[in-house]
């Protein structure tokens, strides 16, 4: 799957999570783009949203993957949904940049009503 397809799948998953946790503002409005750093466990998309998703004020990306395993989001699912990269990707650094750029593009588009 391309990065764009994986991010789109992640958007759909986040939309479902928003429906389940009944937060007043949409998930993309809760992402601080100045803080967003896709490589960071605390400042990636899930790291920023983790507190809402798992209802834990100290939660981060790894809490979602490891604490909840297959129930909420497995590491494999995190890759498929555009939240992480596979462990053994040859050009991983360039892919991190492309993944973050796509999340930024999509979030900005959602905020403007264009995606």
Protein backbone atom coordinates (compact mmCIF):
# COMPACT_ATOMS: atom_id res chain seq x y z
CA UNK A 1 0.00 0.00 0.00
CA UNK A 2 1.17 3.52 -0.71
CA UNK A 3 1.69 6.06 2.04
CA UNK A 4 -1.42 7.92 0.84
CA UNK A 5 -3.55 4.76 1.05
CA UNK A 6 -2.22 3.91 4.49
CA UNK A 7 -2.87 7.43 5.82
CA UNK A 8 -6.39 7.34 4.36
CA UNK A 9 -6.98 4.04 6.19
CA UNK A 10 -5.66 5.72 9.37
CA UNK A 11 -8.06 8.62 8.88
CA UNK A 12 -10.97 6.20 8.61
CA UNK A 13 -9.83 4.37 11.76
CA UNK A 14 -9.53 7.65 13.67
CA UNK A 15 -12.99 8.70 12.51
CA UNK A 16 -14.34 5.43 13.96
CA UNK A 17 -12.50 6.03 17.23
CA UNK A 18 -13.97 9.53 17.45
CA UNK A 19 -17.43 8.05 17.01
CA UNK A 20 -16.74 5.56 19.81
CA UNK A 21 -15.30 7.98 22.38
CA UNK A 22 -17.69 10.86 21.69
CA UNK A 23 -15.19 13.70 21.88
CA UNK A 24 -16.69 17.07 21.01
CA UNK A 25 -14.08 18.22 18.48
CA UNK A 26 -12.92 16.01 15.59
CA UNK A 27 -9.58 14.25 16.02
CA UNK A 28 -7.88 16.39 13.35
CA UNK A 29 -8.69 19.56 15.28
CA UNK A 30 -6.90 18.11 18.32
CA UNK A 31 -3.60 17.61 16.45
CA UNK A 32 -1.13 20.39 17.15
CA UNK A 33 0.71 20.61 13.81
CA UNK A 34 3.56 22.55 15.43
CA UNK A 35 4.09 19.61 17.76
CA UNK A 36 3.50 16.84 15.20
CA UNK A 37 6.58 14.70 14.69
CA UNK A 38 5.66 11.35 13.18
CA UNK A 39 8.86 9.65 14.49
CA UNK A 40 8.04 10.54 18.11
CA UNK A 41 6.03 8.22 20.33
CA UNK A 42 4.52 11.21 22.12
CA UNK A 43 4.19 13.70 19.25
CA UNK A 44 3.02 11.44 16.44
CA UNK A 45 -0.66 11.42 15.46
CA UNK A 46 -1.51 8.65 17.92
CA UNK A 47 0.79 9.99 20.61
CA UNK A 48 -1.04 13.31 20.56
CA UNK A 49 -4.46 11.62 20.54
CA UNK A 50 -3.59 8.73 22.90
CA UNK A 51 -5.00 10.35 26.01
CA UNK A 52 -8.43 10.58 24.40
CA UNK A 53 -8.33 7.17 22.71
CA UNK A 54 -7.33 5.09 25.75
CA UNK A 55 -8.65 7.46 28.41
CA UNK A 56 -5.26 7.67 30.13
CA UNK A 57 -3.59 11.06 30.73
CA UNK A 58 -0.11 9.49 30.46
CA UNK A 59 -0.71 7.39 27.33
CA UNK A 60 1.42 7.50 24.17
CA UNK A 61 1.76 5.58 20.88
CA UNK A 62 3.36 2.52 22.50
CA UNK A 63 0.59 2.28 25.08
CA UNK A 64 -1.94 1.97 22.29
CA UNK A 65 0.07 -0.76 20.54
CA UNK A 66 1.43 -2.75 23.48
CA UNK A 67 -1.15 -2.33 26.22
CA UNK A 68 -4.11 -3.10 24.02
CA UNK A 69 -2.48 -5.42 21.48
CA UNK A 70 -4.85 -6.72 18.84
CA UNK A 71 -7.86 -5.37 20.73
CA UNK A 72 -7.27 -1.76 19.75
CA UNK A 73 -4.24 -1.49 17.50
CA UNK A 74 -1.48 -4.00 16.83
CA UNK A 75 1.97 -2.88 15.62
CA UNK A 76 1.12 -4.37 12.21
CA UNK A 77 -2.08 -2.36 12.12
CA UNK A 78 -0.17 0.78 13.06
CA UNK A 79 1.91 0.30 9.89
CA UNK A 80 -1.14 -0.50 7.73
CA UNK A 81 -2.93 2.61 9.04
CA UNK A 82 -0.03 4.96 8.35
CA UNK A 83 0.94 5.57 11.98
CA UNK A 84 4.30 3.78 11.79
CA UNK A 85 6.79 2.27 9.33
CA UNK A 86 7.81 -1.35 8.94
CA UNK A 87 10.95 -2.24 10.87
CA UNK A 88 13.10 -3.24 7.91
CA UNK A 89 12.42 -0.60 5.27
CA UNK A 90 15.60 0.27 3.36
CA UNK A 91 14.93 4.00 2.90
CA UNK A 92 13.16 4.48 6.21
CA UNK A 93 14.31 8.07 6.83
CA UNK A 94 12.85 9.35 3.58
CA UNK A 95 9.66 7.44 4.28
CA UNK A 96 9.30 9.09 7.70
CA UNK A 97 9.40 12.49 6.00
CA UNK A 98 6.88 11.40 3.36
CA UNK A 99 4.58 9.90 6.00
CA UNK A 100 4.65 13.05 8.11
CA UNK A 101 4.08 15.26 5.06
CA UNK A 102 1.04 13.20 4.08
CA UNK A 103 -0.47 13.40 7.58
CA UNK A 104 0.06 17.17 7.58
CA UNK A 105 -1.52 17.51 4.12
CA UNK A 106 -4.53 15.43 5.12
CA UNK A 107 -5.05 17.15 8.48
CA UNK A 108 -4.84 20.60 6.91
CA UNK A 109 -7.26 19.48 4.18
CA UNK A 110 -9.74 18.10 6.73
CA UNK A 111 -9.62 21.36 8.67
CA UNK A 112 -10.33 23.29 5.48
CA UNK A 113 -13.03 20.82 4.37
CA UNK A 114 -11.04 19.77 1.29
CA UNK A 115 -10.39 16.08 2.02
